[in-house]
């Protein structure tokens, strides 16, 4: 079995979990329940507005899943008979899934992607881009839904924001010492946002893979301090992108090796030998994973064809050029979501901007015309963030459902309902972005990353030797990724750190890792649960602080 995180993330449920842990017969709460549907729809609109407003006015995005969970808890405690059903942790999980899906969809997928052709000077392509990016968003999330629980994207990996959401929901349900520790961590994390301290980075370090986060911290430090240490900025000149290219190619190769593994080397997807924790078993075997990724690529091809038709590319490109554009766009979308997903799985950060920029640079190098390239960048940028976000949400659901018996059918039913909750969030995001984009853009409120994409498409690479830089720095990225293997994703995490310039984040990560190692030596295995609660609280507090930025943006 896999060992991606601290033992507390994968340990069997306690043997004395009681009747609640062995309940059977009752199915998982459904999205179509009237009260649940109304709550999800309202929260989705709130999340979509928060996401669009923050990314347009401040250039940031917030993980609102904790906000959704807290609001669902409050709704469940309103003294009305119809609302008491929201006290269920599983309905709260559906609520946090819907609001976080809406937030990431509106901010990172839809508004950012349609801003690319707008800044490029082709307002007539905004509506075709919105249709194409929404289709890409749906495919993106479907692939994650069908792949979560595989050896490539295991449920028992870190997915730190998902752990934070689950711990928040459980603490609200059970109270006691857990609630006090989580609440204290949340207050500290919230206070950190007031002083611009990235305490979520420390929270992640308490939850994720130690080796992966060590490389992440090293990358953050090199990015921040390389001008003083080496008299050169490692964040400039496509150096981090080169490291990501090398690490990404190896990560892709590692995924391919995993997918073609012989059946004799695989365990049954739901094998649960005596005494074994069935919740730690893989629910998606390599055959099912391979089928999902192949179908995902085919769907991305179909989405690219739709975008080409709506965007008028058929009349502007040769048949051979159009075929190459469609196949390249689908490949870029699939690889982008996988690399972003692997980074998010280990660290809670997803380098969507950087990986999209890599494919933008590759598009320039192979000579894709500017308008098709702008549409390709918008299409690719729409994938990835929602992929990572659904991984967080399914991780939260997995942690909340793992004590239920029988587990496997309940887990699969819960994932299906979470996917449906996300679809409600996406629908709300589409409506909000369709209504608000003209108001934002005509005020000059453009997501900053969209400006970078559009300016790069307009002006080209701007400097010679870009390909040589990418290939040169790809070598250490590939070597580190190869050494770390699929479980640690060390090369991808080093590149992710190099691509992020957040003051003091490296110290937060490295100091928290040192505390984690030292505390575990002192306390033993009991330290993991305590640190998980503290880490979850720090992430929850930072998420609340980020969401509260909408007040500043108003």
Protein backbone atom coordinates (compact mmCIF):
# COMPACT_ATOMS: atom_id res chain seq x y z
CA UNK A 1 0.00 0.00 0.00
CA UNK A 2 0.94 3.63 -0.35
CA UNK A 3 2.73 5.69 2.29
CA UNK A 4 2.46 9.25 1.07
CA UNK A 5 1.67 11.06 4.27
CA UNK A 6 2.03 10.82 7.96
CA UNK A 7 0.57 7.72 9.55
CA UNK A 8 -2.41 9.57 10.89
CA UNK A 9 -3.60 10.19 7.36
CA UNK A 10 -3.70 6.51 6.52
CA UNK A 11 -4.20 4.74 9.81
CA UNK A 12 -7.24 2.51 10.29
CA UNK A 13 -10.13 3.96 12.22
CA UNK A 14 -10.06 3.22 15.92
CA UNK A 15 -11.48 -0.14 16.89
CA UNK A 16 -13.78 1.45 19.44
CA UNK A 17 -15.24 3.91 17.01
CA UNK A 18 -18.72 2.94 18.15
CA UNK A 19 -22.02 2.61 16.36
CA UNK A 20 -21.42 5.66 14.19
CA UNK A 21 -18.42 3.97 12.68
CA UNK A 22 -20.25 0.80 11.79
CA UNK A 23 -23.52 2.21 10.57
CA UNK A 24 -25.05 0.58 7.53
CA UNK A 25 -28.17 0.68 5.47
CA UNK A 26 -28.56 4.47 5.16
CA UNK A 27 -27.28 5.87 1.92
CA UNK A 28 -25.10 8.94 1.51
CA UNK A 29 -26.97 12.29 1.59
CA UNK A 30 -28.00 13.43 -1.88
CA UNK A 31 -27.56 16.72 -3.67
CA UNK A 32 -31.16 16.54 -4.88
CA UNK A 33 -32.57 16.82 -1.33
CA UNK A 34 -34.48 20.15 -1.42
CA UNK A 35 -32.76 21.76 1.57
CA UNK A 36 -29.32 20.59 0.46
CA UNK A 37 -29.88 21.78 -3.12
CA UNK A 38 -30.97 25.26 -2.03
CA UNK A 39 -28.03 25.60 0.41
CA UNK A 40 -25.58 24.45 -2.27
CA UNK A 41 -27.00 26.81 -4.88
CA UNK A 42 -26.81 29.84 -2.55
CA UNK A 43 -23.29 29.01 -1.37
CA UNK A 44 -22.18 28.44 -4.97
CA UNK A 45 -23.30 31.91 -6.01
CA UNK A 46 -21.49 33.37 -2.97
CA UNK A 47 -18.32 31.45 -3.84
CA UNK A 48 -18.45 32.44 -7.51
CA UNK A 49 -18.79 36.14 -6.64
CA UNK A 50 -15.94 35.93 -4.11
CA UNK A 51 -13.69 34.19 -6.62
CA UNK A 52 -14.38 36.54 -9.52
CA UNK A 53 -14.11 39.69 -7.36
CA UNK A 54 -10.81 38.72 -5.74
CA UNK A 55 -9.05 37.58 -8.91
CA UNK A 56 -10.20 40.68 -10.84
CA UNK A 57 -9.47 43.28 -8.16
CA UNK A 58 -6.57 41.80 -6.19
CA UNK A 59 -5.23 39.08 -8.45
CA UNK A 60 -5.61 36.38 -5.79
CA UNK A 61 -7.87 33.37 -5.36
CA UNK A 62 -9.17 31.95 -2.10
CA UNK A 63 -10.02 28.41 -1.06
CA UNK A 64 -13.53 28.90 0.28
CA UNK A 65 -14.18 25.28 1.24
CA UNK A 66 -13.64 26.01 4.94
CA UNK A 67 -15.97 29.01 4.65
CA UNK A 68 -18.61 26.75 3.11
CA UNK A 69 -18.19 24.16 5.82
CA UNK A 70 -18.53 26.77 8.58
CA UNK A 71 -21.63 28.31 6.97
CA UNK A 72 -23.19 24.86 6.60
CA UNK A 73 -22.53 24.20 10.31
CA UNK A 74 -24.23 27.48 11.24
CA UNK A 75 -27.20 26.73 8.99
CA UNK A 76 -27.57 23.32 10.63
CA UNK A 77 -27.84 25.01 14.02
CA UNK A 78 -30.65 27.36 13.05
CA UNK A 79 -33.66 26.20 15.14
CA UNK A 80 -35.81 25.23 12.18
CA UNK A 81 -36.77 21.62 11.59
CA UNK A 82 -35.99 21.73 7.87
CA UNK A 83 -32.43 22.92 8.42
CA UNK A 84 -31.36 20.38 11.03
CA UNK A 85 -30.30 17.97 8.28
CA UNK A 86 -27.33 20.27 7.60
CA UNK A 87 -25.80 19.11 10.89
CA UNK A 88 -24.68 16.01 8.98
CA UNK A 89 -20.94 16.15 8.31
CA UNK A 90 -21.57 14.62 4.89
CA UNK A 91 -24.00 17.37 3.88
CA UNK A 92 -21.47 19.91 5.12
CA UNK A 93 -18.91 18.16 2.91
CA UNK A 94 -21.25 18.63 -0.06
CA UNK A 95 -21.59 22.31 0.85
CA UNK A 96 -17.85 22.90 0.99
CA UNK A 97 -17.42 21.00 -2.28
CA UNK A 98 -19.94 23.22 -4.07
CA UNK A 99 -18.66 26.59 -2.83
CA UNK A 100 -14.99 25.80 -3.43
CA UNK A 101 -15.78 24.47 -6.93
CA UNK A 102 -17.65 27.69 -7.72
CA UNK A 103 -14.82 29.87 -6.41
CA UNK A 104 -12.02 28.19 -8.34
CA UNK A 105 -14.14 27.87 -11.48
CA UNK A 106 -15.10 31.54 -11.61
CA UNK A 107 -11.67 32.88 -10.70
CA UNK A 108 -9.00 30.54 -12.04
CA UNK A 109 -10.82 28.79 -14.88
CA UNK A 110 -13.43 31.05 -16.48
CA UNK A 111 -12.66 34.74 -15.79
CA UNK A 112 -8.91 34.33 -16.28
CA UNK A 113 -9.26 32.38 -19.52
CA UNK A 114 -11.73 34.78 -21.17
CA UNK A 115 -9.52 37.73 -20.18
CA UNK A 116 -6.76 36.44 -22.48
CA UNK A 117 -8.50 37.17 -25.82
CA UNK A 118 -9.95 40.38 -24.35
CA UNK A 119 -6.52 41.77 -23.44
CA UNK A 120 -5.25 40.52 -26.79
CA UNK A 121 -7.74 42.88 -28.42
CA UNK A 122 -10.28 40.31 -29.61
CA UNK A 123 -13.39 40.97 -27.53
CA UNK A 124 -15.37 39.07 -30.16
CA UNK A 125 -13.65 35.86 -28.97
CA UNK A 126 -14.67 36.22 -25.32
CA UNK A 127 -17.95 34.30 -25.65
CA UNK A 128 -16.39 31.44 -27.69
CA UNK A 129 -13.59 31.31 -25.11
CA UNK A 130 -16.12 31.16 -22.28
CA UNK A 131 -17.82 28.18 -23.93
CA UNK A 132 -14.51 26.43 -24.58
CA UNK A 133 -13.10 27.04 -21.12
CA UNK A 134 -16.33 25.82 -19.48
CA UNK A 135 -16.16 22.60 -21.48
CA UNK A 136 -12.49 22.23 -20.50
CA UNK A 137 -13.45 22.81 -16.87
CA UNK A 138 -16.06 20.03 -16.96
CA UNK A 139 -13.65 17.56 -18.59
CA UNK A 140 -10.92 18.54 -16.14
CA UNK A 141 -13.07 17.73 -13.13
CA UNK A 142 -14.47 14.54 -14.66
CA UNK A 143 -10.93 13.19 -15.14
CA UNK A 144 -10.08 13.85 -11.49
CA UNK A 145 -13.35 12.30 -10.32
CA UNK A 146 -12.57 9.12 -12.27
CA UNK A 147 -8.86 9.06 -11.28
CA UNK A 148 -9.00 9.89 -7.55
CA UNK A 149 -8.11 6.86 -5.47
CA UNK A 150 -5.60 5.45 -7.99
CA UNK A 151 -1.89 4.91 -7.49
CA UNK A 152 -1.27 8.11 -9.46
CA UNK A 153 -3.65 10.25 -7.37
CA UNK A 154 -4.19 8.25 -4.16
CA UNK A 155 -6.73 9.21 -1.53
CA UNK A 156 -4.18 8.71 1.23
CA UNK A 157 -1.80 11.31 -0.21
CA UNK A 158 -1.57 14.68 1.53
CA UNK A 159 -4.06 16.98 -0.31
CA UNK A 160 -3.52 19.47 2.61
CA UNK A 161 -6.51 21.82 2.09
CA UNK A 162 -8.74 18.74 2.00
CA UNK A 163 -7.38 17.64 5.36
CA UNK A 164 -8.01 21.13 6.69
CA UNK A 165 -11.63 21.08 5.54
CA UNK A 166 -12.23 17.61 7.00
CA UNK A 167 -10.66 18.48 10.35
CA UNK A 168 -12.75 21.65 10.52
CA UNK A 169 -15.96 19.73 9.89
CA UNK A 170 -15.06 16.96 12.36
CA UNK A 171 -14.06 19.44 15.06
CA UNK A 172 -17.34 21.31 14.65
CA UNK A 173 -19.23 18.03 14.94
CA UNK A 174 -17.36 16.53 17.91
CA UNK A 175 -16.14 19.58 19.81
CA UNK A 176 -13.84 18.99 22.79
CA UNK A 177 -10.05 19.23 22.70
CA UNK A 178 -9.92 18.78 18.92
CA UNK A 179 -12.13 21.83 18.43
CA UNK A 180 -9.98 23.90 20.81
CA UNK A 181 -6.72 22.98 19.06
CA UNK A 182 -8.21 23.54 15.62
CA UNK A 183 -9.80 26.80 16.73
CA UNK A 184 -6.51 28.07 18.16
CA UNK A 185 -4.71 27.19 14.92
CA UNK A 186 -7.41 28.92 12.91
CA UNK A 187 -7.08 32.12 14.95
CA UNK A 188 -3.30 32.08 14.49
CA UNK A 189 -3.68 31.51 10.73
CA UNK A 190 -6.26 34.28 10.48
CA UNK A 191 -3.99 36.61 12.47
CA UNK A 192 -1.13 35.78 10.12
CA UNK A 193 -3.06 37.20 7.16
CA UNK A 194 -3.33 40.53 8.97
CA UNK A 195 0.48 40.73 9.08
CA UNK A 196 0.95 39.23 5.59
CA UNK A 197 2.56 36.11 7.04
CA UNK A 198 1.96 32.99 4.89
CA UNK A 199 1.12 30.72 7.81
CA UNK A 200 -0.73 28.39 5.45
CA UNK A 201 2.74 27.36 4.28
CA UNK A 202 3.54 26.20 7.81
CA UNK A 203 0.19 24.42 7.98
CA UNK A 204 0.95 22.53 4.79
CA UNK A 205 4.33 21.46 6.19
CA UNK A 206 2.56 19.77 9.11
CA UNK A 207 0.38 17.75 6.73
CA UNK A 208 2.24 16.89 3.52
CA UNK A 209 5.07 14.59 2.51
CA UNK A 210 8.26 15.69 4.29
CA UNK A 211 10.62 15.19 1.33
CA UNK A 212 8.27 16.85 -1.15
CA UNK A 213 7.81 19.86 1.13
CA UNK A 214 11.52 20.07 1.88
CA UNK A 215 12.15 20.55 -1.84
CA UNK A 216 9.26 23.01 -1.97
CA UNK A 217 10.83 25.04 0.86
CA UNK A 218 14.23 24.95 -0.83
CA UNK A 219 12.66 26.21 -4.05
CA UNK A 220 10.89 29.04 -2.20
CA UNK A 221 14.16 30.03 -0.55
CA UNK A 222 16.15 29.97 -3.79
CA UNK A 223 13.54 32.14 -5.47
CA UNK A 224 13.47 34.70 -2.66
CA UNK A 225 17.17 34.89 -1.78
CA UNK A 226 19.02 33.98 -5.00
CA UNK A 227 19.65 37.67 -5.91
CA UNK A 228 21.56 38.14 -2.63
CA UNK A 229 23.21 34.70 -2.51
CA UNK A 230 24.13 34.16 -6.16
CA UNK A 231 23.72 37.67 -7.63
CA UNK A 232 21.15 36.35 -10.07
CA UNK A 233 17.38 35.97 -9.94
CA UNK A 234 16.49 32.31 -10.36
CA UNK A 235 12.88 33.34 -10.91
CA UNK A 236 13.78 35.19 -14.09
CA UNK A 237 14.83 33.98 -17.51
CA UNK A 238 12.63 30.86 -17.59
CA UNK A 239 14.88 29.00 -15.14
CA UNK A 240 12.00 27.69 -12.98
CA UNK A 241 10.10 26.81 -16.13
CA UNK A 242 13.04 24.74 -17.34
CA UNK A 243 13.15 22.87 -14.02
CA UNK A 244 9.41 22.26 -14.31
CA UNK A 245 9.78 21.02 -17.90
CA UNK A 246 12.37 18.44 -16.85
CA UNK A 247 10.45 17.37 -13.76
CA UNK A 248 7.18 17.34 -15.68
CA UNK A 249 8.54 15.13 -18.47
CA UNK A 250 9.86 12.62 -15.91
CA UNK A 251 6.61 12.79 -13.92
CA UNK A 252 4.71 12.08 -17.12
CA UNK A 253 7.01 9.15 -17.84
CA UNK A 254 6.52 7.82 -14.32
CA UNK A 255 2.76 8.02 -14.81
CA UNK A 256 3.04 6.13 -18.11
CA UNK A 257 5.12 3.40 -16.45
CA UNK A 258 2.47 3.11 -13.76
CA UNK A 259 -0.30 2.89 -16.36
CA UNK A 260 1.34 0.12 -18.41
CA UNK A 261 2.24 -1.95 -15.37
CA UNK A 262 1.35 -5.58 -15.87
CA UNK A 263 -1.77 -6.90 -14.23
CA UNK A 264 0.34 -9.44 -12.32
CA UNK A 265 2.03 -6.58 -10.51
CA UNK A 266 -1.26 -5.03 -9.39
CA UNK A 267 -3.43 -5.80 -6.43
CA UNK A 268 -7.21 -5.95 -6.87
CA UNK A 269 -8.69 -2.49 -6.56
CA UNK A 270 -10.78 -3.35 -3.52
CA UNK A 271 -8.70 -6.09 -1.95
CA UNK A 272 -9.17 -6.05 1.80
CA UNK A 273 -7.31 -8.90 3.45
CA UNK A 274 -8.10 -9.80 7.03
CA UNK A 275 -7.03 -7.10 9.44
CA UNK A 276 -6.37 -4.65 6.63
CA UNK A 277 -7.98 -1.22 6.52
CA UNK A 278 -10.22 -1.30 3.48
CA UNK A 279 -10.35 2.51 3.34
CA UNK A 280 -6.64 2.59 2.48
CA UNK A 281 -7.17 0.37 -0.61
CA UNK A 282 -7.04 1.80 -4.08
CA UNK A 283 -10.52 2.19 -5.53
CA UNK A 284 -9.23 2.81 -9.08
CA UNK A 285 -6.87 0.24 -10.61
CA UNK A 286 -4.43 0.96 -13.42
CA UNK A 287 -6.79 -0.29 -16.11
CA UNK A 288 -9.56 2.06 -14.99
CA UNK A 289 -7.08 4.92 -14.61
CA UNK A 290 -5.71 4.34 -18.10
CA UNK A 291 -9.24 4.27 -19.52
CA UNK A 292 -10.13 7.54 -17.76
CA UNK A 293 -7.03 9.36 -19.02
CA UNK A 294 -7.51 8.14 -22.60
CA UNK A 295 -11.15 9.20 -22.53
CA UNK A 296 -10.11 12.48 -20.95
CA UNK A 297 -7.73 13.16 -23.83
CA UNK A 298 -10.45 12.30 -26.36
CA UNK A 299 -12.84 14.69 -24.61
CA UNK A 300 -10.20 17.44 -24.58
CA UNK A 301 -9.79 16.91 -28.32
CA UNK A 302 -13.56 17.34 -28.75
CA UNK A 303 -13.47 20.47 -26.60
CA UNK A 304 -10.61 21.90 -28.69
CA UNK A 305 -12.58 21.21 -31.88
CA UNK A 306 -15.57 23.07 -30.42
CA UNK A 307 -13.37 26.03 -29.49
CA UNK A 308 -11.79 26.04 -32.97
CA UNK A 309 -15.23 26.13 -34.59
CA UNK A 310 -16.63 28.84 -32.31
CA UNK A 311 -13.41 30.85 -32.49
CA UNK A 312 -13.34 30.85 -36.30
CA UNK A 313 -10.04 29.01 -36.59
CA UNK A 314 -11.31 26.73 -39.35
CA UNK A 315 -11.16 29.57 -41.87
CA UNK A 316 -7.81 30.91 -40.62
CA UNK A 317 -5.69 27.74 -40.49
CA UNK A 318 -4.82 25.00 -42.92
CA UNK A 319 -6.42 21.58 -42.30
CA UNK A 320 -3.07 20.12 -41.21
CA UNK A 321 -2.30 23.12 -39.00
CA UNK A 322 -5.75 22.94 -37.43
CA UNK A 323 -5.34 19.23 -36.72
CA UNK A 324 -1.99 19.88 -35.06
CA UNK A 325 -3.50 22.73 -33.00
CA UNK A 326 -6.35 20.52 -31.77
CA UNK A 327 -4.08 17.61 -30.80
CA UNK A 328 -1.54 19.91 -29.12
CA UNK A 329 -4.25 21.80 -27.20
CA UNK A 330 -5.72 18.54 -25.89
CA UNK A 331 -2.28 17.21 -24.92
CA UNK A 332 -1.40 20.46 -23.15
CA UNK A 333 -4.70 20.46 -21.25
CA UNK A 334 -4.24 16.88 -20.05
CA UNK A 335 -0.59 17.28 -19.04
CA UNK A 336 -1.33 20.63 -17.38
CA UNK A 337 -4.01 19.16 -15.14
CA UNK A 338 -1.84 16.17 -14.18
CA UNK A 339 1.23 18.25 -13.26
CA UNK A 340 -0.89 20.78 -11.37
CA UNK A 341 -2.74 17.93 -9.63
CA UNK A 342 0.46 16.19 -8.53
CA UNK A 343 1.86 19.42 -7.07
CA UNK A 344 -1.42 20.23 -5.32
CA UNK A 345 -1.63 16.70 -3.95
CA UNK A 346 1.67 17.06 -2.12
CA UNK A 347 1.77 20.73 -1.18
CA UNK A 348 -1.63 22.39 -1.50
CA UNK A 349 -0.13 24.79 -4.07
CA UNK A 350 -0.82 24.37 -7.76
CA UNK A 351 1.57 25.97 -10.32
CA UNK A 352 -1.12 26.51 -12.94
CA UNK A 353 0.29 29.80 -14.22
CA UNK A 354 3.77 28.36 -14.71
CA UNK A 355 2.72 25.20 -16.51
CA UNK A 356 0.38 27.16 -18.80
CA UNK A 357 3.23 29.55 -19.55
CA UNK A 358 5.43 26.57 -20.49
CA UNK A 359 2.94 25.50 -23.15
CA UNK A 360 2.62 29.12 -24.27
CA UNK A 361 6.40 29.24 -24.77
CA UNK A 362 6.34 25.91 -26.61
CA UNK A 363 3.55 27.26 -28.82
CA UNK A 364 5.68 30.27 -29.69
CA UNK A 365 8.71 28.09 -30.40
CA UNK A 366 6.80 25.86 -32.83
CA UNK A 367 5.24 28.87 -34.53
CA UNK A 368 1.53 28.74 -33.65
CA UNK A 369 -0.12 31.96 -34.94
CA UNK A 370 -1.07 34.53 -32.33
CA UNK A 371 -4.89 34.22 -32.31
CA UNK A 372 -4.94 30.39 -32.18
CA UNK A 373 -2.23 30.57 -29.50
CA UNK A 374 -4.27 33.00 -27.39
CA UNK A 375 -7.25 30.62 -27.56
CA UNK A 376 -5.02 27.64 -26.75
CA UNK A 377 -3.64 29.41 -23.67
CA UNK A 378 -7.14 30.26 -22.47
CA UNK A 379 -8.25 26.66 -22.97
CA UNK A 380 -5.26 25.19 -21.14
CA UNK A 381 -5.48 27.67 -18.25
CA UNK A 382 -9.09 26.57 -17.64
CA UNK A 383 -7.85 23.11 -16.66
CA UNK A 384 -5.84 22.33 -13.54
CA UNK A 385 -7.18 24.54 -10.73
CA UNK A 386 -10.56 22.78 -10.55
CA UNK A 387 -8.73 19.45 -10.90
CA UNK A 388 -6.69 20.27 -7.80
CA UNK A 389 -9.69 21.69 -5.95
CA UNK A 390 -11.79 18.57 -6.50
CA UNK A 391 -8.86 16.52 -5.21
CA UNK A 392 -8.99 18.56 -2.00
CA UNK A 393 -12.75 18.10 -1.70
CA UNK A 394 -12.67 14.34 -2.35
CA UNK A 395 -9.87 14.01 0.19
CA UNK A 396 -12.07 15.75 2.77
CA UNK A 397 -14.95 13.44 1.92
CA UNK A 398 -12.69 10.38 2.10
CA UNK A 399 -11.57 11.34 5.60
CA UNK A 400 -15.16 11.94 6.73
CA UNK A 401 -16.49 8.69 5.25
CA UNK A 402 -13.68 6.32 6.18
CA UNK A 403 -15.33 5.16 9.41
CA UNK A 404 -18.57 4.11 7.70
CA UNK A 405 -19.27 0.40 7.22
CA UNK A 406 -19.75 -0.98 4.62
CA UNK A 407 -17.19 1.48 3.34
CA UNK A 408 -16.66 0.93 -0.38
CA UNK A 409 -20.21 1.53 -1.70
CA UNK A 410 -20.67 4.48 0.68
CA UNK A 411 -17.37 6.01 -0.47
CA UNK A 412 -18.25 5.67 -4.15
CA UNK A 413 -21.71 7.10 -3.57
CA UNK A 414 -20.24 10.01 -1.62
CA UNK A 415 -17.77 10.83 -4.39
CA UNK A 416 -20.57 10.81 -6.94
CA UNK A 417 -22.60 13.26 -4.87
CA UNK A 418 -19.56 15.50 -4.41
CA UNK A 419 -19.08 15.56 -8.18
CA UNK A 420 -22.71 16.59 -8.57
CA UNK A 421 -22.23 19.30 -5.94
CA UNK A 422 -19.26 20.59 -7.94
CA UNK A 423 -21.43 20.74 -11.07
CA UNK A 424 -23.83 23.04 -9.20
CA UNK A 425 -20.84 25.22 -8.31
CA UNK A 426 -19.69 25.30 -11.95
CA UNK A 427 -23.15 26.29 -13.17
CA UNK A 428 -23.21 29.18 -10.69
CA UNK A 429 -19.71 30.23 -11.76
CA UNK A 430 -20.70 30.25 -15.43
CA UNK A 431 -23.72 32.47 -14.75
CA UNK A 432 -21.77 34.88 -12.50
CA UNK A 433 -18.86 35.25 -14.94
CA UNK A 434 -21.22 35.66 -17.92
CA UNK A 435 -23.02 38.48 -16.07
CA UNK A 436 -20.01 40.26 -14.55
CA UNK A 437 -17.12 40.03 -17.04
CA UNK A 438 -18.03 43.13 -19.07
CA UNK A 439 -18.35 45.24 -15.93
CA UNK A 440 -14.94 44.11 -14.67
CA UNK A 441 -13.02 44.31 -17.94
CA UNK A 442 -14.32 47.71 -18.96
CA UNK A 443 -13.14 49.07 -15.60
CA UNK A 444 -9.70 47.66 -16.34
CA UNK A 445 -10.10 44.94 -13.70
CA UNK A 446 -8.20 42.14 -15.45
CA UNK A 447 -6.65 39.09 -13.72
CA UNK A 448 -2.88 39.82 -13.77
CA UNK A 449 -1.89 36.39 -15.11
CA UNK A 450 -4.16 36.93 -18.14
CA UNK A 451 -2.21 40.12 -18.93
CA UNK A 452 1.05 38.13 -18.81
CA UNK A 453 -0.35 35.49 -21.16
CA UNK A 454 -1.70 38.05 -23.63
CA UNK A 455 1.44 40.22 -23.57
CA UNK A 456 3.62 37.15 -24.15
CA UNK A 457 1.47 36.10 -27.12
CA UNK A 458 1.68 39.65 -28.54
CA UNK A 459 5.37 40.29 -27.99
CA UNK A 460 6.87 36.82 -28.25
CA UNK A 461 9.64 35.51 -26.04
CA UNK A 462 11.45 38.83 -26.01
CA UNK A 463 14.90 37.31 -25.53
CA UNK A 464 17.11 34.81 -27.36
CA UNK A 465 18.19 31.48 -25.94
CA UNK A 466 14.89 30.61 -24.26
CA UNK A 467 14.86 27.07 -25.62
CA UNK A 468 18.46 26.56 -24.52
CA UNK A 469 17.61 27.80 -21.00
CA UNK A 470 14.62 25.49 -20.79
CA UNK A 471 16.62 22.46 -21.88
CA UNK A 472 19.60 23.27 -19.65
CA UNK A 473 17.56 23.64 -16.46
CA UNK A 474 15.38 20.70 -17.38
CA UNK A 475 18.32 18.41 -16.56
CA UNK A 476 18.43 19.03 -12.76
CA UNK A 477 14.63 19.09 -12.66
CA UNK A 478 14.45 15.69 -14.32
CA UNK A 479 17.21 14.23 -12.13
CA UNK A 480 15.59 15.32 -8.86
CA UNK A 481 12.17 14.08 -9.98
CA UNK A 482 13.69 10.73 -10.92
CA UNK A 483 15.42 10.41 -7.54
CA UNK A 484 12.26 11.26 -5.58
CA UNK A 485 9.96 8.95 -7.52
CA UNK A 486 6.20 9.21 -7.95
CA UNK A 487 5.43 9.27 -4.22
CA UNK A 488 7.45 12.37 -3.40
CA UNK A 489 7.28 14.46 -6.63
CA UNK A 490 10.47 16.23 -5.50
CA UNK A 491 11.33 17.74 -8.89
CA UNK A 492 7.84 19.11 -9.44
CA UNK A 493 7.85 20.53 -5.92
CA UNK A 494 11.26 22.20 -6.34
CA UNK A 495 10.02 23.83 -9.53
CA UNK A 496 6.79 24.90 -7.81
CA UNK A 497 8.80 26.62 -5.09
CA UNK A 498 11.03 28.36 -7.65
CA UNK A 499 7.94 29.74 -9.37
CA UNK A 500 6.41 31.31 -6.25
CA UNK A 501 7.67 34.58 -4.80
CA UNK A 502 6.05 34.78 -1.37
CA UNK A 503 8.17 36.60 1.24
CA UNK A 504 9.05 34.44 4.28
CA UNK A 505 7.18 31.40 2.96
CA UNK A 506 10.39 29.34 2.83
CA UNK A 507 11.06 29.99 6.53
CA UNK A 508 7.52 28.98 7.39
CA UNK A 509 7.85 25.68 5.53
CA UNK A 510 11.34 24.78 6.74
CA UNK A 511 10.68 25.80 10.36
CA UNK A 512 7.44 23.82 10.46
CA UNK A 513 9.19 20.77 9.01
CA UNK A 514 11.87 21.04 11.71
CA UNK A 515 9.19 21.31 14.41
CA UNK A 516 7.35 18.35 12.91
CA UNK A 517 10.42 16.09 12.87
CA UNK A 518 11.51 17.11 16.37
CA UNK A 519 8.03 16.90 17.88
CA UNK A 520 7.46 13.44 16.44
CA UNK A 521 10.72 12.19 17.96
CA UNK A 522 9.58 13.51 21.33
CA UNK A 523 5.91 12.49 21.24
CA UNK A 524 6.01 9.48 18.95
CA UNK A 525 3.07 8.59 16.68
CA UNK A 526 0.67 10.64 18.83
CA UNK A 527 2.35 13.78 17.48
CA UNK A 528 0.91 13.29 14.00
CA UNK A 529 -2.73 13.80 14.95
CA UNK A 530 -1.91 16.87 17.04
CA UNK A 531 0.19 18.45 14.29
CA UNK A 532 -2.45 17.61 11.69
CA UNK A 533 -4.99 19.58 13.72
CA UNK A 534 -2.63 22.55 14.09
CA UNK A 535 -1.77 22.47 10.39
CA UNK A 536 -5.42 22.23 9.42
CA UNK A 537 -6.21 25.20 11.65
CA UNK A 538 -3.46 27.34 10.10
CA UNK A 539 -4.72 26.57 6.60
CA UNK A 540 -8.33 27.17 7.62
CA UNK A 541 -7.45 30.53 9.19
CA UNK A 542 -5.46 31.62 6.15
CA UNK A 543 -8.34 30.59 3.87
CA UNK A 544 -10.77 32.64 5.96
CA UNK A 545 -8.41 35.59 5.80
CA UNK A 546 -8.06 35.31 2.03
CA UNK A 547 -11.84 35.10 1.60
CA UNK A 548 -12.26 38.16 3.80
CA UNK A 549 -10.13 40.11 1.31
CA UNK A 550 -13.34 40.64 -0.67
CA UNK A 551 -14.15 43.38 1.87
CA UNK A 552 -10.90 45.10 0.92
CA UNK A 553 -11.69 44.65 -2.76
CA UNK A 554 -15.17 46.18 -2.45
